[in-house]
Amino acid sequence: MSELKSAILEAKYIDMVSLADFVVQDCGLPDMDDDGNPLPQQNEVAAAIFRWAARQAPARDIAATETPEPESDTGAADRPEAAGPTNSDAQGDRL
């Protein structure tokens, strides 16, 4: 089940809408209103599936998909925070 949830959370929006469109058609739900205007059911179903996966996914699974790669320390001396304390504030004004 966790693989399904992870796949849903990593899916592209267009894939989720395509899945939701299939669900709407397969269940025989109306896709047009009385005036012939398309109903937003595909987007609503896709959003509901994503919310389900996000709410049900263990925190460690979500954190694993959102953890950025560590940055290399190349050029650390060029960054102001690596230089140590300064006599200026965040805007660069002298204290």
C-alpha atoms as a PDB file:
ATOM      1  CA  MET A   1       0.000   0.000   0.000  1.00  0.00           C
ATOM      2  CA  SER A   2       2.857   2.391   0.737  1.00  0.00           C
ATOM      3  CA  GLU A   3       4.156   1.910  -2.822  1.00  0.00           C
ATOM      4  CA  LEU A   4       0.763   2.990  -4.178  1.00  0.00           C
ATOM      5  CA  LYS A   5       0.724   6.062  -1.971  1.00  0.00           C
ATOM      6  CA  SER A   6       4.272   6.970  -2.968  1.00  0.00           C
ATOM      7  CA  ALA A   7       3.423   6.566  -6.660  1.00  0.00           C
ATOM      8  CA  ILE A   8       0.380   8.822  -6.262  1.00  0.00           C
ATOM      9  CA  LEU A   9       2.411  11.482  -4.466  1.00  0.00           C
ATOM     10  CA  GLU A  10       5.113  11.378  -7.160  1.00  0.00           C
ATOM     11  CA  ALA A  11       2.691  11.299 -10.125  1.00  0.00           C
ATOM     12  CA  LYS A  12       2.417  14.174 -12.570  1.00  0.00           C
ATOM     13  CA  TYR A  13      -0.750  16.270 -12.463  1.00  0.00           C
ATOM     14  CA  ILE A  14      -1.751  15.263 -16.003  1.00  0.00           C
ATOM     15  CA  ASP A  15      -1.463  11.578 -15.053  1.00  0.00           C
ATOM     16  CA  MET A  16      -3.676  12.095 -12.009  1.00  0.00           C
ATOM     17  CA  VAL A  17      -6.322  13.875 -14.100  1.00  0.00           C
ATOM     18  CA  SER A  18      -6.158  11.061 -16.659  1.00  0.00           C
ATOM     19  CA  LEU A  19      -6.688   8.494 -13.892  1.00  0.00           C
ATOM     20  CA  ALA A  20      -9.583  10.520 -12.489  1.00  0.00           C
ATOM     21  CA  ASP A  21     -11.123  10.817 -15.968  1.00  0.00           C
ATOM     22  CA  PHE A  22     -11.033   7.028 -16.254  1.00  0.00           C
ATOM     23  CA  VAL A  23     -12.671   6.663 -12.820  1.00  0.00           C
ATOM     24  CA  VAL A  24     -15.453   9.115 -13.743  1.00  0.00           C
ATOM     25  CA  GLN A  25     -16.136   7.325 -17.038  1.00  0.00           C
ATOM     26  CA  ASP A  26     -15.840   3.820 -15.586  1.00  0.00           C
ATOM     27  CA  CYS A  27     -18.276   4.620 -12.776  1.00  0.00           C
ATOM     28  CA  GLY A  28     -20.746   6.164 -15.209  1.00  0.00           C
ATOM     29  CA  LEU A  29     -20.647   9.558 -13.526  1.00  0.00           C
ATOM     30  CA  PRO A  30     -21.930  12.462 -15.625  1.00  0.00           C
ATOM     31  CA  ASP A  31     -19.170  14.501 -17.250  1.00  0.00           C
ATOM     32  CA  MET A  32     -21.461  17.247 -18.634  1.00  0.00           C
ATOM     33  CA  ASP A  33     -24.127  19.338 -16.981  1.00  0.00           C
ATOM     34  CA  ASP A  34     -27.630  19.906 -18.412  1.00  0.00           C
ATOM     35  CA  ASP A  35     -26.343  22.751 -20.607  1.00  0.00           C
ATOM     36  CA  GLY A  36     -23.503  20.665 -22.079  1.00  0.00           C
ATOM     37  CA  ASN A  37     -20.760  22.309 -20.016  1.00  0.00           C
ATOM     38  CA  PRO A  38     -18.003  19.998 -18.729  1.00  0.00           C
ATOM     39  CA  LEU A  39     -18.123  19.229 -15.014  1.00  0.00           C
ATOM     40  CA  PRO A  40     -14.943  19.561 -12.918  1.00  0.00           C
ATOM     41  CA  GLN A  41     -15.226  16.016 -11.597  1.00  0.00           C
ATOM     42  CA  GLN A  42     -11.903  14.830 -13.006  1.00  0.00           C
ATOM     43  CA  ASN A  43     -10.002  17.550 -11.154  1.00  0.00           C
ATOM     44  CA  GLU A  44     -11.971  16.928  -7.973  1.00  0.00           C
ATOM     45  CA  VAL A  45     -11.371  13.167  -8.082  1.00  0.00           C
ATOM     46  CA  ALA A  46      -7.653  13.660  -8.823  1.00  0.00           C
ATOM     47  CA  ALA A  47      -7.352  16.089  -5.908  1.00  0.00           C
ATOM     48  CA  ALA A  48      -9.206  13.709  -3.598  1.00  0.00           C
ATOM     49  CA  ILE A  49      -6.900  10.807  -4.517  1.00  0.00           C
ATOM     50  CA  PHE A  50      -3.828  12.967  -3.890  1.00  0.00           C
ATOM     51  CA  ARG A  51      -5.211  14.196  -0.538  1.00  0.00           C
ATOM     52  CA  TRP A  52      -5.912  10.590   0.457  1.00  0.00           C
ATOM     53  CA  ALA A  53      -2.361   9.546  -0.348  1.00  0.00           C
ATOM     54  CA  ALA A  54      -0.845  12.574   1.386  1.00  0.00           C
ATOM     55  CA  ARG A  55      -2.912  12.078   4.529  1.00  0.00           C
ATOM     56  CA  GLN A  56      -2.320   8.332   4.663  1.00  0.00           C
ATOM     57  CA  ALA A  57       1.388   8.320   3.802  1.00  0.00           C
ATOM     58  CA  PRO A  58       3.717   7.845   6.769  1.00  0.00           C
ATOM     59  CA  ALA A  59       5.807  10.915   7.529  1.00  0.00           C
ATOM     60  CA  ARG A  60       9.014   9.058   6.688  1.00  0.00           C
ATOM     61  CA  ASP A  61       7.720   8.290   3.168  1.00  0.00           C
ATOM     62  CA  ILE A  62       6.837  11.934   2.533  1.00  0.00           C
ATOM     63  CA  ALA A  63      10.156  13.148   3.955  1.00  0.00           C
ATOM     64  CA  ALA A  64      12.042  10.708   1.735  1.00  0.00           C
ATOM     65  CA  THR A  65      10.472  12.192  -1.401  1.00  0.00           C
ATOM     66  CA  GLU A  66      11.087  15.797  -0.279  1.00  0.00           C
ATOM     67  CA  THR A  67      14.647  15.523   1.038  1.00  0.00           C
ATOM     68  CA  PRO A  68      16.972  17.589  -1.164  1.00  0.00           C
ATOM     69  CA  GLU A  69      20.390  16.369  -2.166  1.00  0.00           C
ATOM     70  CA  PRO A  70      23.159  17.735   0.056  1.00  0.00           C
ATOM     71  CA  GLU A  71      25.086  20.600  -1.463  1.00  0.00           C
ATOM     72  CA  SER A  72      28.789  20.304  -1.964  1.00  0.00           C
ATOM     73  CA  ASP A  73      31.036  22.601   0.037  1.00  0.00           C
ATOM     74  CA  THR A  74      32.753  23.898  -3.092  1.00  0.00           C
ATOM     75  CA  GLY A  75      33.055  27.657  -2.914  1.00  0.00           C
ATOM     76  CA  ALA A  76      32.064  27.861   0.761  1.00  0.00           C
ATOM     77  CA  ALA A  77      34.640  30.585   1.364  1.00  0.00           C
ATOM     78  CA  ASP A  78      32.860  32.760  -1.201  1.00  0.00           C
ATOM     79  CA  ARG A  79      29.594  32.720   0.766  1.00  0.00           C
ATOM     80  CA  PRO A  80      29.162  35.515   3.344  1.00  0.00           C
ATOM     81  CA  GLU A  81      27.870  33.138   6.040  1.00  0.00           C
ATOM     82  CA  ALA A  82      31.074  31.106   5.757  1.00  0.00           C
ATOM     83  CA  ALA A  83      33.241  34.167   6.412  1.00  0.00           C
ATOM     84  CA  GLY A  84      32.167  34.468  10.046  1.00  0.00           C
ATOM     85  CA  PRO A  85      30.611  37.396  11.911  1.00  0.00           C
ATOM     86  CA  THR A  86      30.530  40.798  10.258  1.00  0.00           C
ATOM     87  CA  ASN A  87      29.867  44.310  11.470  1.00  0.00           C
ATOM     88  CA  SER A  88      26.760  44.749   9.317  1.00  0.00           C
ATOM     89  CA  ASP A  89      23.107  43.776   9.500  1.00  0.00           C
ATOM     90  CA  ALA A  90      21.163  41.612   7.030  1.00  0.00           C
ATOM     91  CA  GLN A  91      20.754  44.554   4.614  1.00  0.00           C
ATOM     92  CA  GLY A  92      24.487  45.258   4.601  1.00  0.00           C
ATOM     93  CA  ASP A  93      24.309  48.422   6.749  1.00  0.00           C
ATOM     94  CA  ARG A  94      27.161  48.888   9.198  1.00  0.00           C
ATOM     95  CA  LEU A  95      26.255  48.361  12.847  1.00  0.00           C
END
